[in-house]
Protein backbone atom coordinates (compact mmCIF):
# COMPACT_ATOMS: atom_id res chain seq x y z
CA MET A 1 124.62 17.27 -78.58
CA PRO A 2 123.69 21.04 -78.12
CA LYS A 3 120.86 21.95 -75.79
CA ARG A 4 117.99 23.37 -78.03
CA ILE A 5 116.49 26.68 -76.79
CA LYS A 6 112.78 26.98 -76.80
CA LYS A 7 111.13 29.98 -78.81
CA SER A 8 109.41 30.95 -75.76
CA ALA A 9 112.57 31.12 -73.73
CA ILE A 10 113.86 33.97 -75.99
CA SER A 11 112.86 37.44 -75.16
CA ALA A 12 110.06 39.44 -76.90
CA ARG A 13 112.74 42.33 -77.32
CA ALA A 14 115.31 39.64 -78.83
CA ARG A 15 112.76 38.41 -81.27
CA HIS A 16 111.77 42.21 -82.16
CA HIS A 17 115.36 42.91 -82.73
CA ASP A 18 115.87 40.15 -85.05
CA SER A 19 112.51 40.93 -87.04
CA THR A 20 113.81 44.32 -87.48
CA GLU A 21 117.09 43.26 -88.94
CA THR A 22 115.25 40.55 -91.17
CA ARG A 23 112.74 43.13 -92.53
CA ALA A 24 115.63 45.58 -93.27
CA ALA A 25 117.47 42.61 -95.13
CA ILE A 26 114.60 41.69 -97.15
CA LEU A 27 113.80 45.27 -98.15
CA LYS A 28 117.38 45.97 -99.03
CA ALA A 29 117.41 42.83 -101.02
CA ALA A 30 114.09 43.53 -102.89
CA GLU A 31 115.22 46.70 -103.76
CA ARG A 32 118.40 45.30 -105.46
CA ILE A 33 116.83 42.55 -107.12
CA TYR A 34 114.01 44.87 -108.46
CA ALA A 35 116.94 47.18 -109.59
CA GLU A 36 118.66 44.50 -111.58
CA CYS A 37 115.83 42.39 -112.93
CA GLY A 38 112.88 44.96 -113.09
CA LEU A 39 109.47 44.25 -111.92
CA ALA A 40 108.64 41.51 -114.36
CA GLY A 41 111.83 39.73 -113.77
CA ALA A 42 112.42 39.86 -109.87
CA ARG A 43 111.42 36.57 -108.31
CA THR A 44 110.51 35.99 -104.72
CA GLU A 45 112.92 32.99 -104.60
CA ALA A 46 115.90 35.51 -105.70
CA ILE A 47 114.77 37.99 -102.93
CA ALA A 48 114.61 35.26 -100.21
CA ALA A 49 117.90 34.09 -101.01
CA ALA A 50 119.43 37.40 -101.12
CA ALA A 51 118.13 38.32 -97.86
CA GLY A 52 118.99 34.97 -96.32
CA VAL A 53 115.56 33.77 -95.45
CA ASN A 54 112.87 31.29 -96.26
CA LYS A 55 110.65 32.25 -99.21
CA ALA A 56 107.61 31.55 -96.97
CA LEU A 57 108.80 34.61 -94.69
CA LEU A 58 108.15 37.02 -97.51
């Protein structure tokens, strides 16, 4: 079984880098979903799925 890495073991710089990429992915996905569906049709579920993140992260 693979060894699990504790979140505290991941450096702050690595977490920041990941969060920057995640934020960019969310914004890109949201822009595309809003362009396709409009303000009334855009759903957080679709944005999260397109960005590859959990809906709660939004």
